């Protein structure tokens, strides 16, 4: 996150913010405790289940919920394929899946950039 924030901080733009969307509030709070960066104009944080993506976000990094977290998967699917077409994500997004099994049932296909 820090190199991305440093690169975006100097840009003269209305949309130069990275939004990191966590599956749970506890994970967001854990991130806030461990990171020294507090620059919401460059890196904004949110959780699934709320209006987590805003128009001024330039890139959305979505932390995938646990494969057995049914509510988290439901909220993630709703974010990726909303009922209202007006709320469709227009920003590029990255799904970061740190779990050892793939997330199933996603409403879209992805290009895998890295797989451990």
Protein backbone atom coordinates (compact mmCIF):
# COMPACT_ATOMS: atom_id res chain seq x y z
CA UNK A 1 0.00 0.00 0.00
CA UNK A 2 2.78 2.46 0.86
CA UNK A 3 4.39 2.57 -2.64
CA UNK A 4 0.95 3.01 -4.21
CA UNK A 5 0.09 5.81 -1.78
CA UNK A 6 3.41 7.53 -2.40
CA UNK A 7 2.90 7.36 -6.15
CA UNK A 8 -0.64 8.71 -6.02
CA UNK A 9 -0.03 11.43 -3.46
CA UNK A 10 1.66 13.85 -5.84
CA UNK A 11 -0.76 13.49 -8.76
CA UNK A 12 -2.85 16.52 -9.62
CA UNK A 13 -6.13 14.71 -10.14
CA UNK A 14 -9.63 14.47 -8.77
CA UNK A 15 -9.53 10.67 -8.84
CA UNK A 16 -6.25 9.53 -7.38
CA UNK A 17 -7.38 7.37 -4.51
CA UNK A 18 -7.04 3.67 -3.86
CA UNK A 19 -9.93 2.10 -1.97
CA UNK A 20 -9.14 -1.03 0.05
CA UNK A 21 -12.30 -2.97 0.89
CA UNK A 22 -12.03 -5.44 3.77
CA UNK A 23 -14.48 -8.30 4.31
CA UNK A 24 -14.96 -7.53 8.02
CA UNK A 25 -14.66 -4.59 10.36
CA UNK A 26 -12.25 -6.52 12.57
CA UNK A 27 -9.82 -6.95 9.64
CA UNK A 28 -10.06 -3.25 8.84
CA UNK A 29 -9.29 -2.38 12.48
CA UNK A 30 -6.37 -4.82 12.52
CA UNK A 31 -5.00 -3.13 9.38
CA UNK A 32 -5.34 0.31 10.98
CA UNK A 33 -3.42 -0.85 14.04
CA UNK A 34 -0.55 -2.28 12.02
CA UNK A 35 -0.15 0.48 9.40
CA UNK A 36 1.26 3.90 10.11
CA UNK A 37 -0.28 5.45 7.01
CA UNK A 38 -3.23 7.73 7.61
CA UNK A 39 -3.94 9.51 4.34
CA UNK A 40 -7.62 8.97 3.45
CA UNK A 41 -7.29 11.26 0.42
CA UNK A 42 -4.85 8.72 -1.05
CA UNK A 43 -5.76 5.36 0.51
CA UNK A 44 -9.31 4.98 1.78
CA UNK A 45 -10.58 1.99 3.77
CA UNK A 46 -14.01 0.41 3.85
CA UNK A 47 -15.78 -2.88 4.51
CA UNK A 48 -18.17 -5.02 2.49
CA UNK A 49 -21.86 -4.46 3.07
CA UNK A 50 -21.74 -0.66 3.01
CA UNK A 51 -21.54 1.77 0.10
CA UNK A 52 -17.85 1.04 0.02
CA UNK A 53 -16.85 2.36 -3.41
CA UNK A 54 -17.10 6.04 -4.29
CA UNK A 55 -16.80 7.86 -7.61
CA UNK A 56 -13.47 9.44 -6.65
CA UNK A 57 -11.84 6.04 -6.12
CA UNK A 58 -9.47 5.27 -8.96
CA UNK A 59 -8.61 1.67 -8.05
CA UNK A 60 -10.49 -0.75 -5.82
CA UNK A 61 -8.60 -3.49 -3.97
CA UNK A 62 -11.08 -6.01 -2.63
CA UNK A 63 -9.83 -8.40 0.05
CA UNK A 64 -11.74 -11.64 -0.55
CA UNK A 65 -13.75 -12.97 2.37
CA UNK A 66 -13.17 -16.44 3.72
CA UNK A 67 -14.72 -19.13 1.49
CA UNK A 68 -17.06 -20.14 4.34
CA UNK A 69 -18.20 -16.57 5.05
CA UNK A 70 -21.58 -16.68 3.31
CA UNK A 71 -22.55 -13.11 4.19
CA UNK A 72 -19.19 -11.75 3.03
CA UNK A 73 -19.45 -13.64 -0.26
CA UNK A 74 -23.00 -12.34 -0.74
CA UNK A 75 -21.87 -8.74 -0.19
CA UNK A 76 -18.88 -9.22 -2.50
CA UNK A 77 -21.10 -10.63 -5.25
CA UNK A 78 -23.50 -7.73 -4.81
CA UNK A 79 -20.61 -5.26 -5.13
CA UNK A 80 -19.30 -6.95 -8.28
CA UNK A 81 -22.75 -7.41 -9.86
CA UNK A 82 -25.24 -4.98 -8.24
CA UNK A 83 -29.00 -5.16 -8.78
CA UNK A 84 -28.98 -1.57 -10.03
CA UNK A 85 -26.87 -1.22 -13.21
CA UNK A 86 -26.15 2.41 -12.26
CA UNK A 87 -24.07 1.14 -9.31
CA UNK A 88 -21.86 -1.09 -11.46
CA UNK A 89 -18.15 -0.65 -10.70
CA UNK A 90 -16.53 1.52 -13.32
CA UNK A 91 -13.13 1.49 -11.67
CA UNK A 92 -10.61 -1.25 -12.21
CA UNK A 93 -10.55 -3.62 -9.29
CA UNK A 94 -8.25 -6.24 -7.89
CA UNK A 95 -9.51 -9.14 -5.80
CA UNK A 96 -6.86 -10.23 -3.34
CA UNK A 97 -7.57 -13.80 -2.30
CA UNK A 98 -5.08 -14.88 0.36
CA UNK A 99 -6.96 -18.08 1.16
CA UNK A 100 -5.62 -21.44 0.05
CA UNK A 101 -8.73 -22.23 -2.00
CA UNK A 102 -10.42 -20.27 -4.78
CA UNK A 103 -13.48 -18.15 -4.12
CA UNK A 104 -16.37 -19.83 -5.91
CA UNK A 105 -19.62 -18.45 -7.25
CA UNK A 106 -18.32 -15.07 -8.38
CA UNK A 107 -20.58 -13.32 -10.91
CA UNK A 108 -17.68 -12.42 -13.20
CA UNK A 109 -14.51 -13.95 -14.56
CA UNK A 110 -11.04 -12.78 -13.58
CA UNK A 111 -7.62 -12.92 -15.07
CA UNK A 112 -5.37 -14.53 -12.49
CA UNK A 113 -2.29 -12.37 -12.11
CA UNK A 114 -0.50 -14.44 -9.50
CA UNK A 115 -1.27 -17.77 -7.92
CA UNK A 116 0.78 -19.31 -5.13
